[in-house]
Every structure is written in structure tokens, then in C-alpha cells.
Amino acid sequence: MTPSRRTLLTAGLGAGLVAAVPGLSVATPTSAQGAALTANPFTLGVASGDPWPDGFVLWTRLALEPLAEDGLGGMPNRPVQVAWEVAEDEGMRKVVKRGVEHARPGSAHSVHVELHGLRPGREYWYRFRTGMHVSPVGRALTTPAWGETPAALTMAFASCSQYEHGFFTAYRRLAEDRPDLVLHLGDYQYEYRARTYVSGDGNVRDHDGPETVDLATYRLRHAQYKTDEDLQAAHAVAPWLVVWDDHEVDNNWADEIPENRDAAQWNDTTERFRARRSAAFQAYWENMPLRRPAMPAGIDMQIYRRVQWGQLANFHMMDTRQYRDDQLAGDGWDKNVEERWDASRSITGDAQEKWLIDGFRSSTARWDLLGQQVFFAERDRAQAPDVDDVSMDGWDGYAASRDRIVRGWQDAGVRNPVVLTGDVHRNWANDIKTDFQDPDAPVVGSELVCTSITSTGDGSGSVADGAMAWNPHLKFFNDQRGYVRTTITKDAMTADFRVLDRVTTPGAPVYTKASFVLEDGVRGLQRRA
């Protein structure tokens, strides 16, 4: 059931924890800050993100009434002092760092702490407190030292969690797998008003509030998602690296162009969309564990960045929305669109493309992983050899841009390039070729595509897609919900496609539908028995 604004006042994982942590030594609010909060404000959980060798970002956002219509969570219009602690043990007895921040109304009472001075390659725990209210305890990790190659990294990645289409059980199962790192590749929340986007299985709960178009509605929508305890568990288990796709702002947006620019009933002018995009970015910053360089400035917010896991892996986190040229042929699938080969068109923009290729050239890591949003390999629905039928919203609509990225990692001699993708609500495993039209063209990389957490409902369980017959580089397909769990060592990367049979009822078990292995220095996916 969708929680009401009032029932969420005392809900959340932080309620009732004060008795469990006697003697917590933190600063308490002064009289100048006003009275202490009378109810638990940690209803949105805690999170960590963007780790580095001596620290990471800690995040929380205070909300007494998460579903308050003004998006401000029922908080008083004043700063609130929030203390934080980091410990070497889950019981929080061996505290190694502590401090105080102020959660301010201008940032929806969110808190971002950028920690330094910790030891590399270590596991830590953290929590927050204001007055007598204590948050849940979260787990975070620092990355290995720059020159170190750790024995293994367990990384999970996910995307597309439409709140109305199902329960977030997959997030709970991901947390139970206890990864070292989580990548979220977009569509963390959806913009629609209730019952506008209905799955084939029927919606099992409703969005609160109207379609998100301004700062209040984006804040409210993020808060509603964050009240989900399964999502809170996934945030608390490990640091996250996040990037957006389209639904964090508007379906299929491209740079300053909205989905419905030409639809008279929406009147979504460029000016109106710029205001919407600015509001969406501000709310995204407030609700994600991001570093200060990602703070938005109006309609601009740089989320492409690089995180290095010692010498084992480089994570190149990308943005394929903010800088792209407009999609061709009305955003959807179309046949024989010659303009998709236009070398002047880009899905990344020139600056991000240069940043990425420069990163390839300077990388000394065993594995280079591109965390990005939309389908990378060619996926042609037309069987006829003289016809192509591809999606204009994915890299197929920007074929020359894709070729430059592939050539970039080839020219740089990247040892093991792997593209990680979300968006399409299905599992796929693909080989990347220099020429997808040539069956004899060499394989030069691989792509792992995760399905959705909930979007489009339970799914059919199908493991067949007709286009695979004439797209032999597409090695695996599955229509269920879940996430991908990977284990990365210096010798191999193993990917387990973790799925649930249903998301329209809570509590489903998870299991591995298929596993693939990439061996160090060997191009191409190998199915694991």
C-alpha cells in the first residue's frame, strides 16, 4: 500500500534506534538553531557514494513528512545541525572520524559529507544523528590505493525502478548479495503522475503528486522513492556510483529538447524545459551521494566522472542525455535513417568524448568499464540485408559517435573494455564489433545490459528474441526483472544475471538466470554452464 503523508512521520529504518546506541558523543543543537526535532527525521535512509582511496561521500536528507506537497519534507524553515560518525566496526564502537554538518532548507535539508583521511581498501560503517534521533547504520568502502591490485571486486549494477510497476524486492536482494560497489545507470525515479504509465501487469502502487515539472514535485518524487525500505537497504549496503538517464527529468529528453516540444497540449517550450531541467538537476543533487563538483549550476550539472579501483578497474561514468544531439525520426525505431551515420552527430558531446578517449589513453587498469545508459551494440530488427530498423534513442541513432568511442579504446590499447548499460528493461549480453554488418569483423569488446528493477512489471521470462538470429553478436536475452552481479579479478570478470519471477507481489526470491565470463585479454563473452 502507498503510505500516507502522516503514517510516514514515524516510519523508516531509523526509528527506535536511540536506545541501541547509548553514549553517542555528538554535538547537540543550540538554542540559536531552535528547538530539537520532535519526530524521527531519518525517514529517507542513508547512503554513500563516489569512493576514493581515503574516503567517500556520506549522504542523508532529513524529512519529517516525506510526502509533504511542497517537497520540503515537513521540515522547519531553518538549518538543522546533523552529526556524523565513521567507524571501523558495524557496532560503531571503533569511531575513527566524526563531525557536524548543517542541513539547510535551500538544499531540502540534505547533507553531503566528503570524507578524507581514511585508509585505502577498507570497509567502514557510518551513521548520523540530530538531537536524540539516530539514523540507520550504513556500510561504505574506500577504494584501493592507486598502485594496488586487489584480489577481487564485487560490483552490482541496476537501472529503471518505476515505483508503480512493482515492489523494489530486487534492491533488497542486491543488498543481501553484499557487493563492494553499486552502479545505478539511470531511471532511478520516474516523472509521471499516477496511472499515466501503466505496465501490462497493472500498477501495484501509485505515484504521489502530479507529473514532476518543478523543484517541489521532483523533491517529492525522490522522497517517495527513498521511503521504500528495500531501496534504503541497497543504499546502505555499499557506496553507489550514479548517473541519470531520461526519466529523472523527462522521457527521451535530449540536451535542451523535451519529449513533447511539438505537442500543443503540453506547450513544453525550450524556456519551460530549461526551467524543468534545472529543477530536476537540483533535486537529483540533493538526493544522491555525489561530490561537490557535481553540484548543478542552473541547467548544467557534470555527472560524467571517473572512479579508479586501484589497478584493477577504471569506472568511466557517462552522461548520454545532457550533451546529445536530438534524436532522429521522432525518438523511436525507424528504418534506413542515413543521418544516423552523420559524423557531426554525437551522443556524448565533444568535451565528454575527448575526456573518455583521454581516459582510455591514460588507463593502466586491468579492466575499463563504461557505466552508461542506452543500448550500445547494434540491434537491428529488420532481417532483410538491405534494410536496417534500429532505435534512434540508443547508440544506433548515433552510429558515428559509437564508432569513435570503439576506435578510441582500440587505438589506446585498452586491455579489457566492457560497456555496462541499462534503459531497455531486459537483460542482454552482447559482443562489440568493429563492423556489426560484417560477420567476419573482429570482436573488440563486450556489453552487459541489466534489466529493470520493476519497470514494465513481472516480465514473461522469455529467453528468446527473434532479432538474435540475424544479429549473432547478441548472445543473451531475458525478460525478467532484477540486476547484474559481477565479480572482477585480474584474470576474469564474471557476470551473473540475477532475476526474480515477479515484482508485482513483494518478497520474491532471486536466482541466477545465466552467467557469462570475460577472460583477461580475450575478446568475447563466454557462457558459463
Protein backbone atom coordinates (compact mmCIF):
# COMPACT_ATOMS: atom_id res chain seq x y z
CA MET A 1 0.00 0.00 0.00
CA THR A 2 1.15 3.53 -0.71
CA PRO A 3 1.98 5.21 2.62
CA SER A 4 0.15 8.38 3.58
CA ARG A 5 1.92 11.60 4.49
CA ARG A 6 1.03 11.10 8.15
CA THR A 7 1.95 7.43 8.54
CA LEU A 8 5.46 8.20 7.28
CA LEU A 9 6.09 10.55 10.20
CA THR A 10 7.37 7.73 12.39
CA ALA A 11 8.20 5.14 9.72
CA GLY A 12 11.70 4.40 8.41
CA LEU A 13 14.61 2.30 9.48
CA GLY A 14 15.98 4.90 11.90
CA ALA A 15 13.00 4.86 14.28
CA GLY A 16 13.66 3.45 17.72
CA LEU A 17 17.43 3.24 17.42
CA VAL A 18 18.35 5.71 20.17
CA ALA A 19 18.24 3.08 22.91
CA ALA A 20 20.59 0.89 20.89
CA VAL A 21 23.38 3.46 20.81
CA PRO A 22 23.79 4.90 24.32
CA GLY A 23 26.70 7.22 24.87
CA LEU A 24 26.89 8.50 21.31
CA SER A 25 29.08 11.58 21.62
CA VAL A 26 27.93 14.25 19.21
CA ALA A 27 27.11 17.92 19.28
CA THR A 28 23.52 18.83 20.12
CA PRO A 29 21.52 21.71 18.65
CA THR A 30 21.99 25.07 20.34
CA SER A 31 19.20 27.42 21.28
CA ALA A 32 20.14 29.61 18.31
CA GLN A 33 19.08 26.80 15.99
CA GLY A 34 15.64 26.45 17.53
CA ALA A 35 14.01 23.53 19.24
CA ALA A 36 15.12 20.00 18.52
CA LEU A 37 13.03 17.94 16.10
CA THR A 38 10.27 16.08 17.89
CA ALA A 39 10.00 13.15 15.45
CA ASN A 40 12.44 10.93 13.55
CA PRO A 41 13.77 12.85 10.53
CA PHE A 42 15.78 9.95 9.01
CA THR A 43 12.83 8.59 7.04
CA LEU A 44 14.76 8.61 3.75
CA GLY A 45 17.66 6.46 4.92
CA VAL A 46 21.37 6.96 4.39
CA ALA A 47 23.78 6.45 1.52
CA SER A 48 27.42 6.64 0.50
CA GLY A 49 28.96 7.17 -2.91
CA ASP A 50 31.86 8.12 -5.18
CA PRO A 51 34.57 6.37 -3.13
CA TRP A 52 38.27 7.19 -3.37
CA PRO A 53 41.35 5.79 -1.55
CA ASP A 54 40.96 7.86 1.62
CA GLY A 55 37.23 8.49 1.75
CA PHE A 56 33.79 8.69 0.16
CA VAL A 57 30.65 10.82 0.23
CA LEU A 58 28.14 10.32 3.04
CA TRP A 59 24.54 11.37 2.40
CA THR A 60 21.26 11.74 4.19
CA ARG A 61 18.26 14.03 3.86
CA LEU A 62 16.02 14.99 6.76
CA ALA A 63 12.26 14.66 6.27
CA LEU A 64 9.62 14.60 8.99
CA GLU A 65 6.82 14.28 6.42
CA PRO A 66 8.41 12.85 3.26
CA LEU A 67 5.28 13.32 1.15
CA ALA A 68 4.64 16.94 2.01
CA GLU A 69 3.31 18.62 -1.14
CA ASP A 70 5.85 21.45 -1.09
CA GLY A 71 8.69 18.91 -1.39
CA LEU A 72 10.36 20.12 1.80
CA GLY A 73 9.57 17.07 3.90
CA GLY A 74 7.69 18.87 6.66
CA MET A 75 10.94 20.34 7.95
CA PRO A 76 11.19 23.71 9.74
CA ASN A 77 12.47 26.64 7.71
CA ARG A 78 15.86 26.75 9.45
CA PRO A 79 19.17 24.91 9.39
CA VAL A 80 19.33 21.74 11.44
CA GLN A 81 22.61 20.54 12.93
CA VAL A 82 23.46 16.94 11.97
CA ALA A 83 26.36 15.00 13.48
CA TRP A 84 28.01 12.09 11.70
CA GLU A 85 30.37 9.29 12.70
CA VAL A 86 32.50 6.77 10.80
CA ALA A 87 33.70 3.59 12.49
CA GLU A 88 35.78 0.52 11.70
CA ASP A 89 33.10 -1.82 13.03
CA GLU A 90 29.39 -2.27 12.39
CA GLY A 91 28.62 -1.79 16.09
CA MET A 92 30.11 1.74 15.82
CA ARG A 93 32.45 1.20 18.78
CA LYS A 94 35.73 2.00 16.97
CA VAL A 95 34.93 5.51 15.72
CA VAL A 96 37.70 6.98 13.54
CA LYS A 97 36.03 10.12 12.18
CA ARG A 98 33.23 12.39 13.36
CA GLY A 99 31.95 15.84 12.57
CA VAL A 100 28.94 18.12 12.25
CA GLU A 101 27.16 19.48 9.19
CA HIS A 102 24.12 21.72 8.78
CA ALA A 103 21.12 20.51 6.79
CA ARG A 104 19.71 23.67 5.20
CA PRO A 105 16.28 24.48 3.75
CA GLY A 106 17.82 25.64 0.46
CA SER A 107 19.02 22.09 -0.27
CA ALA A 108 15.90 20.38 1.11
CA HIS A 109 17.77 19.59 4.34
CA SER A 110 20.14 17.22 2.55
CA VAL A 111 23.62 16.51 3.89
CA HIS A 112 26.71 15.70 1.80
CA VAL A 113 29.90 14.88 3.73
CA GLU A 114 33.11 14.42 1.71
CA LEU A 115 35.42 12.34 3.86
CA HIS A 116 39.21 12.19 3.68
CA GLY A 117 41.89 10.70 5.88
CA LEU A 118 40.67 7.10 5.93
CA ARG A 119 42.74 4.06 4.96
CA PRO A 120 42.55 2.71 1.40
CA GLY A 121 40.86 -0.55 0.53
CA ARG A 122 38.93 -0.76 3.81
CA GLU A 123 35.39 -1.35 4.96
CA TYR A 124 33.77 1.30 7.19
CA TRP A 125 30.38 2.00 8.80
CA TYR A 126 28.67 5.32 9.39
CA ARG A 127 25.58 6.96 10.89
CA PHE A 128 24.02 10.37 11.51
CA ARG A 129 22.33 11.97 14.49
CA THR A 130 20.32 15.09 15.22
CA GLY A 131 19.12 15.68 18.76
CA MET A 132 18.05 12.31 20.11
CA HIS A 133 17.29 10.85 16.69
CA VAL A 134 19.80 8.42 15.19
CA SER A 135 19.92 7.19 11.61
CA PRO A 136 20.37 3.61 10.42
CA VAL A 137 23.97 2.43 10.11
CA GLY A 138 25.37 2.26 6.59
CA ARG A 139 28.37 0.43 5.15
CA ALA A 140 30.94 2.03 2.85
CA LEU A 141 34.33 1.14 1.36
CA THR A 142 37.32 3.14 0.30
CA THR A 143 38.95 2.21 -2.99
CA PRO A 144 42.36 0.50 -3.00
CA ALA A 145 45.48 2.64 -3.17
CA TRP A 146 46.28 3.85 -6.69
CA GLY A 147 49.02 1.29 -7.33
CA GLU A 148 47.35 -1.67 -5.64
CA THR A 149 45.60 -4.55 -7.42
CA PRO A 150 43.07 -6.12 -5.03
CA ALA A 151 42.22 -9.81 -5.25
CA ALA A 152 38.61 -9.15 -6.26
CA LEU A 153 35.84 -6.59 -6.53
CA THR A 154 32.16 -7.50 -6.29
CA MET A 155 30.11 -4.93 -8.18
CA ALA A 156 26.38 -4.91 -8.91
CA PHE A 157 24.58 -2.66 -11.36
CA ALA A 158 20.92 -1.81 -11.86
CA SER A 159 18.54 0.61 -13.56
CA CYS A 160 14.90 1.51 -14.17
CA SER A 161 12.87 1.39 -10.98
CA GLN A 162 9.33 2.52 -11.76
CA TYR A 163 7.67 2.73 -8.32
CA GLU A 164 4.18 1.99 -9.65
CA HIS A 165 5.12 -1.12 -11.63
CA GLY A 166 6.28 -3.26 -8.75
CA PHE A 167 7.90 -3.63 -5.39
CA PHE A 168 11.62 -2.97 -5.00
CA THR A 169 12.43 -6.52 -3.89
CA ALA A 170 15.34 -6.64 -6.35
CA TYR A 171 17.02 -3.84 -4.40
CA ARG A 172 16.64 -5.90 -1.23
CA ARG A 173 18.14 -8.96 -2.91
CA LEU A 174 21.00 -6.86 -4.26
CA ALA A 175 21.71 -5.69 -0.70
CA GLU A 176 21.68 -9.29 0.52
CA ASP A 177 24.41 -10.10 -2.04
CA ARG A 178 26.55 -7.54 -0.17
CA PRO A 179 28.53 -6.07 -3.08
CA ASP A 180 31.52 -3.77 -2.62
CA LEU A 181 30.16 -1.25 -5.10
CA VAL A 182 26.79 -0.49 -6.76
CA LEU A 183 26.32 1.29 -10.09
CA HIS A 184 22.93 2.79 -10.90
CA LEU A 185 22.69 3.51 -14.62
CA GLY A 186 19.60 5.67 -14.73
CA ASP A 187 15.83 5.93 -14.43
CA TYR A 188 16.18 5.93 -10.66
CA GLN A 189 12.77 7.59 -10.47
CA TYR A 190 10.01 8.30 -12.99
CA GLU A 191 8.31 11.59 -13.73
CA TYR A 192 4.72 10.53 -14.43
CA ARG A 193 1.62 11.26 -12.37
CA ALA A 194 -0.22 8.24 -11.01
CA ARG A 195 -1.62 5.72 -13.50
CA THR A 196 -0.21 7.53 -16.56
CA TYR A 197 2.40 4.84 -17.28
CA VAL A 198 0.69 1.50 -16.66
CA SER A 199 2.52 -1.81 -17.00
CA GLY A 200 0.97 -4.85 -18.66
CA ASP A 201 0.56 -6.42 -15.23
CA GLY A 202 -1.22 -3.37 -13.83
CA ASN A 203 0.25 -0.88 -11.39
CA VAL A 204 0.54 -2.11 -7.81
CA ARG A 205 1.02 1.30 -6.15
CA ASP A 206 0.73 4.96 -7.13
CA HIS A 207 3.00 7.92 -7.52
CA ASP A 208 2.14 10.73 -5.15
CA GLY A 209 1.64 14.18 -6.63
CA PRO A 210 1.44 15.44 -10.23
CA GLU A 211 3.95 14.88 -13.02
CA THR A 212 7.30 16.26 -11.94
CA VAL A 213 7.91 19.62 -13.59
CA ASP A 214 9.27 21.89 -10.85
CA LEU A 215 11.52 21.70 -7.82
CA ALA A 216 8.74 20.86 -5.35
CA THR A 217 7.43 17.93 -7.39
CA TYR A 218 10.88 16.50 -8.15
CA ARG A 219 11.78 16.68 -4.45
CA LEU A 220 8.52 14.97 -3.53
CA ARG A 221 9.05 12.18 -6.06
CA HIS A 222 12.60 11.49 -4.88
CA ALA A 223 11.35 11.44 -1.29
CA GLN A 224 8.61 8.95 -2.11
CA TYR A 225 11.11 6.57 -3.69
CA LYS A 226 13.56 6.99 -0.82
CA THR A 227 10.89 5.94 1.73
CA ASP A 228 10.98 2.43 0.27
CA GLU A 229 12.84 0.24 2.77
CA ASP A 230 14.18 -2.11 0.09
CA LEU A 231 15.81 0.81 -1.72
CA GLN A 232 17.14 2.11 1.60
CA ALA A 233 18.75 -1.28 2.23
CA ALA A 234 20.53 -1.20 -1.14
CA HIS A 235 21.83 2.31 -0.49
CA ALA A 236 23.07 1.36 2.96
CA VAL A 237 25.00 -1.75 1.92
CA ALA A 238 27.75 -0.19 -0.24
CA PRO A 239 28.85 3.01 -1.97
CA TRP A 240 26.97 3.89 -5.17
CA LEU A 241 28.09 5.44 -8.45
CA VAL A 242 25.04 7.06 -10.03
CA VAL A 243 24.24 8.54 -13.42
CA TRP A 244 20.87 9.58 -14.76
CA ASP A 245 19.05 8.60 -17.92
CA ASP A 246 15.87 10.29 -19.13
CA HIS A 247 13.12 9.75 -16.55
CA GLU A 248 14.95 11.67 -13.84
CA VAL A 249 13.98 14.67 -15.99
CA ASP A 250 11.60 13.84 -18.86
CA ASN A 251 11.18 10.82 -21.12
CA ASN A 252 13.63 10.81 -24.07
CA TRP A 253 14.92 14.33 -23.44
CA ALA A 254 17.98 15.42 -25.39
CA ASP A 255 20.07 18.39 -24.27
CA GLU A 256 17.58 21.30 -24.13
CA ILE A 257 14.89 19.49 -26.09
CA PRO A 258 11.93 17.92 -24.24
CA GLU A 259 9.95 14.90 -25.36
CA ASN A 260 6.82 16.88 -26.16
CA ARG A 261 8.19 20.08 -27.66
CA ASP A 262 5.84 19.91 -30.64
CA ALA A 263 2.75 18.72 -28.77
CA ALA A 264 0.45 21.73 -28.42
CA GLN A 265 -1.35 20.32 -25.41
CA TRP A 266 1.91 20.29 -23.42
CA ASN A 267 3.23 23.70 -24.52
CA ASP A 268 6.67 22.45 -23.44
CA THR A 269 8.74 25.28 -24.88
CA THR A 270 12.53 25.40 -24.67
CA GLU A 271 12.26 28.02 -21.94
CA ARG A 272 9.87 25.89 -19.88
CA PHE A 273 12.03 22.81 -20.36
CA ARG A 274 15.18 24.64 -19.27
CA ALA A 275 13.41 25.52 -16.00
CA ARG A 276 12.26 21.92 -15.63
CA ARG A 277 15.74 20.55 -16.29
CA SER A 278 17.27 22.95 -13.75
CA ALA A 279 14.76 21.84 -11.10
CA ALA A 280 15.35 18.16 -11.86
CA PHE A 281 19.11 18.57 -11.57
CA GLN A 282 18.82 20.39 -8.25
CA ALA A 283 16.61 17.63 -6.81
CA TYR A 284 18.93 14.95 -8.18
CA TRP A 285 21.91 16.55 -6.44
CA GLU A 286 20.00 16.86 -3.19
CA ASN A 287 19.05 13.18 -3.21
CA MET A 288 22.24 11.48 -4.37
CA PRO A 289 25.64 10.82 -2.71
CA LEU A 290 27.61 13.00 -5.14
CA ARG A 291 30.76 15.06 -4.74
CA ARG A 292 30.75 18.86 -4.81
CA PRO A 293 31.97 19.12 -8.44
CA ALA A 294 28.61 17.64 -9.45
CA MET A 295 26.62 20.50 -7.88
CA PRO A 296 24.34 21.94 -10.56
CA ALA A 297 24.63 25.45 -11.92
CA GLY A 298 21.27 26.18 -13.50
CA ILE A 299 20.73 23.78 -16.38
CA ASP A 300 24.29 22.40 -16.20
CA MET A 301 25.44 19.55 -13.99
CA GLN A 302 28.51 17.44 -14.75
CA ILE A 303 27.93 13.83 -13.74
CA TYR A 304 30.46 12.20 -16.06
CA ARG A 305 33.46 11.29 -13.96
CA ARG A 306 35.99 8.56 -13.37
CA VAL A 307 36.50 6.34 -10.32
CA GLN A 308 39.56 4.09 -10.13
CA TRP A 309 39.53 0.83 -8.14
CA GLY A 310 43.29 0.58 -7.74
CA GLN A 311 44.90 -1.03 -10.76
CA LEU A 312 42.03 -3.48 -11.12
CA ALA A 313 39.33 -1.34 -12.75
CA ASN A 314 38.52 2.10 -14.06
CA PHE A 315 34.86 3.13 -13.99
CA HIS A 316 34.10 5.74 -16.64
CA MET A 317 30.66 7.03 -15.61
CA MET A 318 28.99 8.71 -18.59
CA ASP A 319 26.15 11.08 -19.45
CA THR A 320 24.37 10.30 -22.73
CA ARG A 321 21.49 12.80 -22.24
CA GLN A 322 22.77 16.25 -21.42
CA TYR A 323 25.05 16.77 -24.42
CA ARG A 324 23.46 14.68 -27.18
CA ASP A 325 22.07 15.90 -30.49
CA ASP A 326 18.33 15.47 -30.84
CA GLN A 327 17.17 12.01 -31.74
CA LEU A 328 16.28 11.37 -35.35
CA ALA A 329 12.90 10.23 -36.64
CA GLY A 330 10.89 11.13 -33.55
CA ASP A 331 12.89 9.25 -30.88
CA GLY A 332 11.63 5.75 -31.74
CA TRP A 333 12.59 2.93 -34.09
CA ASP A 334 12.90 3.65 -37.80
CA LYS A 335 14.24 2.10 -40.98
CA ASN A 336 17.15 3.17 -43.16
CA VAL A 337 17.80 6.52 -41.45
CA GLU A 338 21.01 7.53 -43.18
CA GLU A 339 21.57 10.54 -40.93
CA ARG A 340 22.47 8.24 -38.05
CA TRP A 341 25.89 7.82 -39.72
CA ASP A 342 26.48 11.58 -39.81
CA ALA A 343 29.93 12.17 -38.26
CA SER A 344 28.86 15.54 -36.88
CA ARG A 345 26.24 13.96 -34.61
CA SER A 346 27.16 12.98 -31.06
CA ILE A 347 25.52 11.28 -28.11
CA THR A 348 28.25 12.39 -25.70
CA GLY A 349 29.17 15.87 -26.88
CA ASP A 350 32.71 16.78 -27.90
CA ALA A 351 34.09 17.52 -24.42
CA GLN A 352 32.90 14.27 -22.87
CA GLU A 353 34.09 12.25 -25.87
CA LYS A 354 37.57 13.76 -25.52
CA TRP A 355 37.51 13.13 -21.75
CA LEU A 356 36.60 9.49 -22.33
CA ILE A 357 39.22 8.82 -25.00
CA ASP A 358 41.88 10.63 -22.97
CA GLY A 359 40.91 8.33 -20.09
CA PHE A 360 41.42 5.31 -22.31
CA ARG A 361 44.89 6.54 -23.24
CA SER A 362 45.97 7.14 -19.66
CA SER A 363 44.43 4.00 -18.18
CA THR A 364 46.71 1.38 -16.69
CA ALA A 365 43.86 -0.66 -15.19
CA ARG A 366 43.19 -4.31 -15.99
CA TRP A 367 39.51 -3.53 -16.76
CA ASP A 368 37.94 -0.38 -18.20
CA LEU A 369 34.19 -0.24 -17.63
CA LEU A 370 31.85 2.31 -19.21
CA GLY A 371 28.87 2.95 -16.93
CA GLN A 372 26.29 4.42 -19.29
CA GLN A 373 22.61 4.45 -20.10
CA VAL A 374 21.43 3.25 -23.51
CA PHE A 375 21.94 0.19 -25.75
CA PHE A 376 25.43 0.27 -27.26
CA ALA A 377 25.64 -2.70 -29.66
CA GLU A 378 23.71 -2.62 -32.91
CA ARG A 379 20.25 -4.16 -32.56
CA ASP A 380 18.63 -4.41 -35.99
CA ARG A 381 15.02 -5.62 -36.08
CA ALA A 382 14.97 -5.95 -39.87
CA GLN A 383 16.03 -9.31 -41.30
CA ALA A 384 16.43 -8.07 -44.87
CA PRO A 385 20.12 -7.36 -45.64
CA ASP A 386 19.37 -4.06 -47.37
CA VAL A 387 17.18 -2.73 -44.53
CA ASP A 388 18.07 -1.68 -41.00
CA ASP A 389 15.47 -0.96 -38.33
CA VAL A 390 17.06 0.43 -35.17
CA SER A 391 16.32 2.61 -32.16
CA MET A 392 17.07 6.28 -32.60
CA ASP A 393 17.34 6.79 -28.81
CA GLY A 394 20.30 4.41 -28.33
CA TRP A 395 23.78 4.41 -29.84
CA ASP A 396 22.35 3.03 -33.10
CA GLY A 397 20.94 6.51 -33.68
CA TYR A 398 24.46 7.93 -33.26
CA ALA A 399 26.46 5.30 -35.14
CA ALA A 400 29.44 7.51 -35.98
CA SER A 401 29.68 8.62 -32.36
CA ARG A 402 29.79 4.96 -31.31
CA ASP A 403 32.48 4.20 -33.88
CA ARG A 404 34.69 6.94 -32.47
CA ILE A 405 34.42 5.51 -28.94
CA VAL A 406 35.22 1.99 -30.14
CA ARG A 407 38.18 3.22 -32.19
CA GLY A 408 39.27 5.22 -29.17
CA TRP A 409 39.66 2.20 -26.94
CA GLN A 410 41.27 0.22 -29.76
CA ASP A 411 43.82 2.95 -30.52
CA ALA A 412 44.57 3.34 -26.81
CA GLY A 413 45.17 -0.37 -26.40
CA VAL A 414 42.60 -0.74 -23.64
CA ARG A 415 43.18 -4.18 -22.18
CA ASN A 416 39.59 -5.20 -21.36
CA PRO A 417 36.81 -2.78 -22.43
CA VAL A 418 33.32 -3.54 -21.10
CA VAL A 419 30.20 -1.43 -21.62
CA LEU A 420 27.59 -1.51 -18.82
CA THR A 421 24.08 -0.48 -19.87
CA GLY A 422 20.54 -0.03 -18.53
CA ASP A 423 17.39 1.54 -20.03
CA VAL A 424 15.73 -1.27 -22.04
CA HIS A 425 14.06 -3.28 -19.21
CA ARG A 426 15.53 -6.55 -20.45
CA ASN A 427 18.75 -8.47 -19.87
CA TRP A 428 21.18 -8.68 -22.78
CA ALA A 429 24.79 -9.82 -23.24
CA ASN A 430 26.49 -8.58 -26.42
CA ASP A 431 29.80 -8.65 -28.21
CA ILE A 432 31.04 -5.34 -29.64
CA LYS A 433 32.44 -5.48 -33.16
CA THR A 434 34.26 -3.04 -35.40
CA ASP A 435 31.52 -3.54 -38.02
CA PHE A 436 28.22 -5.08 -36.93
CA GLN A 437 27.21 -5.63 -40.57
CA ASP A 438 30.24 -7.82 -41.29
CA PRO A 439 30.04 -11.32 -39.77
CA ASP A 440 33.82 -11.65 -40.06
CA ALA A 441 34.61 -8.37 -38.30
CA PRO A 442 36.62 -8.83 -35.11
CA VAL A 443 35.11 -8.63 -31.63
CA VAL A 444 36.73 -5.73 -29.77
CA GLY A 445 34.73 -5.51 -26.55
CA SER A 446 31.60 -6.61 -24.72
CA GLU A 447 28.38 -5.15 -23.37
CA LEU A 448 26.35 -6.25 -20.35
CA VAL A 449 22.80 -4.88 -20.20
CA CYS A 450 20.84 -5.09 -16.96
CA THR A 451 17.09 -5.41 -16.90
CA SER A 452 14.88 -3.14 -14.81
CA ILE A 453 14.26 -3.30 -11.08
CA THR A 454 10.50 -3.05 -11.72
CA SER A 455 9.75 -1.19 -14.95
CA THR A 456 7.16 -2.94 -17.18
CA GLY A 457 6.15 -5.34 -14.41
CA ASP A 458 6.89 -9.03 -13.95
CA GLY A 459 8.01 -9.86 -17.49
CA SER A 460 7.43 -13.01 -19.46
CA GLY A 461 10.54 -14.97 -18.53
CA SER A 462 11.37 -15.31 -22.22
CA VAL A 463 14.97 -16.02 -23.21
CA ALA A 464 14.46 -15.58 -26.95
CA ASP A 465 14.38 -12.50 -29.15
CA GLY A 466 13.88 -13.03 -32.87
CA ALA A 467 16.44 -10.42 -33.89
CA MET A 468 19.23 -12.51 -32.35
CA ALA A 469 19.10 -14.82 -35.39
CA TRP A 470 20.47 -12.13 -37.71
CA ASN A 471 22.40 -10.24 -35.02
CA PRO A 472 24.82 -13.00 -33.95
CA HIS A 473 26.77 -10.63 -31.71
CA LEU A 474 23.71 -10.54 -29.39
CA LYS A 475 24.45 -13.53 -27.17
CA PHE A 476 21.75 -13.49 -24.49
CA PHE A 477 18.29 -12.09 -23.85
CA ASN A 478 15.92 -12.41 -20.90
CA ASP A 479 12.64 -10.72 -19.99
CA GLN A 480 12.57 -10.70 -16.19
CA ARG A 481 13.30 -8.10 -13.54
CA GLY A 482 16.47 -7.94 -11.43
CA TYR A 483 20.06 -6.73 -11.63
CA VAL A 484 23.55 -7.90 -12.66
CA ARG A 485 26.14 -9.02 -10.13
CA THR A 486 29.77 -9.10 -11.21
CA THR A 487 32.98 -10.40 -9.72
CA ILE A 488 36.12 -8.78 -11.12
CA THR A 489 39.60 -10.19 -10.66
CA LYS A 490 42.81 -9.61 -12.57
CA ASP A 491 42.17 -12.81 -14.53
CA ALA A 492 38.44 -12.63 -15.32
CA MET A 493 35.16 -10.79 -14.96
CA THR A 494 32.09 -12.92 -14.20
CA ALA A 495 28.59 -11.53 -14.69
CA ASP A 496 25.55 -13.18 -13.10
CA PHE A 497 22.14 -12.11 -14.38
CA ARG A 498 20.10 -12.15 -11.17
CA VAL A 499 16.33 -12.30 -11.70
CA LEU A 500 13.01 -12.52 -9.87
CA ASP A 501 9.92 -14.26 -11.17
CA ARG A 502 7.66 -11.46 -10.00
CA VAL A 503 7.76 -7.92 -8.68
CA THR A 504 4.00 -7.27 -8.53
CA THR A 505 3.96 -9.02 -5.15
CA PRO A 506 6.68 -8.38 -2.56
CA GLY A 507 9.30 -10.79 -1.28
CA ALA A 508 10.14 -12.92 -4.33
CA PRO A 509 13.39 -14.92 -4.17
CA VAL A 510 16.26 -14.16 -6.54
CA TYR A 511 18.26 -16.61 -8.63
CA THR A 512 20.86 -16.54 -11.38
CA LYS A 513 19.35 -16.95 -14.85
CA ALA A 514 22.65 -17.02 -16.72
CA SER A 515 26.34 -16.30 -16.14
CA PHE A 516 28.99 -15.09 -18.55
CA VAL A 517 32.76 -14.85 -18.20
CA LEU A 518 35.19 -12.42 -19.79
CA GLU A 519 38.77 -13.61 -19.55
CA ASP A 520 41.60 -11.12 -19.26
CA GLY A 521 42.89 -10.25 -22.72
CA VAL A 522 40.33 -12.43 -24.53
CA ARG A 523 37.68 -10.64 -26.59
CA GLY A 524 34.15 -12.01 -26.46
CA LEU A 525 31.67 -13.36 -23.93
CA GLN A 526 31.75 -16.97 -22.84
CA ARG A 527 28.58 -18.58 -21.46
CA ARG A 528 29.16 -20.31 -18.17
CA ALA A 529 27.46 -23.68 -17.64
